[in-house]
Amino acid sequence: MSDPDELLVGIATMVEAEQSNQMSLTVVVGGAVITGRLAPQAVWKQRVSEVLDASDRLRPFSPVFGAEGAAEPASEARPPTHLHFHLARILQGSTGIPETGGMYRVAIKDVTAWSVGDFRYSDQ
């Protein structure tokens, strides 16, 4: 999208304000369908940092996702530019990749379609 969808920005703003990770969302980005739950950016970054820190090979990258500087005052806060998914999957046929869910960061401006809720799939 050339201009980010105001409804989607509103959802992301509420997730950030409420510090909630219960909002399920499905988006289409570059032809890929990603489904999962949104998380506030700080929570998402902390989780990614923890995963990287647990790996001997990837530990040096962990600080990139570390604590942010001081929070902006509410009056100066800018609307979110990205969605931060956790427990998310890229849908491929009847399968979700990765099976256990992953951590994805998606630019709101790149979302071409979206729906509230996540898609469930099974082998049956």
Protein backbone atom coordinates (compact mmCIF):
# COMPACT_ATOMS: atom_id res chain seq x y z
CA MET A 1 0.00 0.00 0.00
CA SER A 2 1.34 3.44 -0.77
CA ASP A 3 -0.40 4.88 2.31
CA PRO A 4 -0.64 2.66 5.37
CA ASP A 5 -4.18 1.50 6.13
CA GLU A 6 -5.51 3.68 8.97
CA LEU A 7 -7.43 0.78 10.52
CA LEU A 8 -4.30 -1.36 10.59
CA VAL A 9 -2.28 1.49 12.10
CA GLY A 10 -5.06 1.85 14.71
CA ILE A 11 -4.82 -1.85 15.62
CA ALA A 12 -1.03 -1.62 15.92
CA THR A 13 -1.35 1.52 18.04
CA MET A 14 -3.74 -0.24 20.43
CA VAL A 15 -1.44 -3.27 20.72
CA GLU A 16 1.41 -0.92 21.63
CA ALA A 17 -0.68 1.14 24.07
CA GLU A 18 -2.27 -1.82 25.83
CA GLN A 19 0.94 -3.87 25.81
CA SER A 20 -1.23 -6.82 24.77
CA ASN A 21 -0.23 -9.86 22.74
CA GLN A 22 -3.70 -11.30 22.26
CA MET A 23 -4.70 -9.66 18.94
CA SER A 24 -4.76 -12.26 16.17
CA LEU A 25 -4.25 -11.00 12.64
CA THR A 26 -3.67 -12.39 9.16
CA VAL A 27 -1.91 -10.26 6.53
CA VAL A 28 -0.84 -10.61 2.92
CA VAL A 29 2.62 -9.20 2.22
CA GLY A 30 4.37 -9.69 -1.09
CA GLY A 31 2.01 -12.55 -1.91
CA ALA A 32 2.77 -14.39 1.34
CA VAL A 33 0.04 -14.99 3.90
CA ILE A 34 1.22 -14.53 7.49
CA THR A 35 -1.08 -15.39 10.36
CA GLY A 36 -0.48 -15.08 14.09
CA ARG A 37 -0.72 -12.82 17.09
CA LEU A 38 0.59 -9.28 17.36
CA ALA A 39 2.93 -8.27 20.14
CA PRO A 40 4.12 -4.85 21.26
CA GLN A 41 7.47 -4.01 19.68
CA ALA A 42 9.34 -4.03 23.02
CA VAL A 43 8.00 -7.50 23.90
CA TRP A 44 8.82 -8.80 20.42
CA LYS A 45 12.36 -7.41 20.55
CA GLN A 46 12.94 -8.89 23.99
CA ARG A 47 11.83 -12.33 22.82
CA VAL A 48 14.03 -12.19 19.70
CA SER A 49 16.95 -11.09 21.88
CA GLU A 50 16.38 -14.06 24.21
CA VAL A 51 16.31 -16.52 21.30
CA LEU A 52 19.52 -15.09 19.84
CA ASP A 53 21.21 -15.02 23.24
CA ALA A 54 20.52 -18.74 23.67
CA SER A 55 22.57 -19.52 20.55
CA ASP A 56 26.38 -19.59 20.75
CA ARG A 57 26.59 -18.69 17.06
CA LEU A 58 23.97 -15.89 17.09
CA ARG A 59 24.56 -14.42 20.56
CA PRO A 60 26.58 -11.44 19.18
CA PHE A 61 23.40 -10.20 17.43
CA SER A 62 21.30 -10.21 20.60
CA PRO A 63 22.20 -6.64 21.70
CA VAL A 64 20.74 -5.24 18.46
CA PHE A 65 17.33 -6.21 19.85
CA GLY A 66 18.14 -5.11 23.41
CA ALA A 67 16.52 -2.42 25.53
CA GLU A 68 15.41 0.74 23.79
CA GLY A 69 16.27 4.22 24.95
CA ALA A 70 13.83 6.34 26.88
CA ALA A 71 10.27 6.13 25.66
CA GLU A 72 8.91 9.09 23.70
CA PRO A 73 6.38 11.24 25.53
CA ALA A 74 2.84 10.28 24.47
CA SER A 75 2.32 13.67 22.80
CA GLU A 76 5.36 13.07 20.58
CA ALA A 77 4.82 9.39 19.90
CA ARG A 78 4.58 8.48 16.24
CA PRO A 79 2.16 5.88 14.89
CA PRO A 80 3.63 2.37 14.53
CA THR A 81 5.20 1.58 11.16
CA HIS A 82 5.52 -2.18 11.68
CA LEU A 83 3.50 -5.12 12.92
CA HIS A 84 5.33 -7.49 15.24
CA PHE A 85 4.03 -11.06 15.04
CA HIS A 86 4.78 -13.88 17.43
CA LEU A 87 3.45 -17.42 17.25
CA ALA A 88 3.10 -16.64 13.55
CA ARG A 89 3.23 -18.83 10.49
CA ILE A 90 3.57 -18.29 6.78
CA LEU A 91 0.77 -20.29 5.20
CA GLN A 92 1.84 -22.66 2.45
CA GLY A 93 -1.01 -24.86 1.25
CA SER A 94 -2.39 -26.66 4.28
CA THR A 95 0.82 -26.16 6.27
CA GLY A 96 2.14 -23.34 8.42
CA ILE A 97 5.85 -22.57 8.39
CA PRO A 98 7.42 -22.85 10.90
CA GLU A 99 5.23 -25.44 12.55
CA THR A 100 5.79 -24.02 16.03
CA GLY A 101 5.29 -20.40 15.00
CA GLY A 102 7.89 -17.72 14.44
CA MET A 103 8.67 -14.08 15.01
CA TYR A 104 7.97 -11.79 12.05
CA ARG A 105 8.24 -8.03 11.61
CA VAL A 106 6.12 -6.65 8.78
CA ALA A 107 6.05 -3.07 7.47
CA ILE A 108 2.46 -1.85 7.63
CA LYS A 109 2.92 -0.01 4.32
CA ASP A 110 3.66 -3.35 2.62
CA VAL A 111 0.43 -5.06 3.72
CA THR A 112 -1.88 -5.47 0.72
CA ALA A 113 -4.73 -7.29 2.51
CA TRP A 114 -5.56 -8.26 6.07
CA SER A 115 -8.18 -9.87 8.28
CA VAL A 116 -8.74 -9.93 12.00
CA GLY A 117 -8.11 -13.42 13.38
CA ASP A 118 -5.69 -16.14 12.46
CA PHE A 119 -6.15 -19.07 10.16
CA ARG A 120 -6.02 -22.59 11.54
CA TYR A 121 -5.06 -25.55 9.41
CA SER A 122 -4.64 -29.25 9.90
CA ASP A 123 -3.46 -32.37 8.12
CA GLN A 124 -6.89 -33.99 8.38
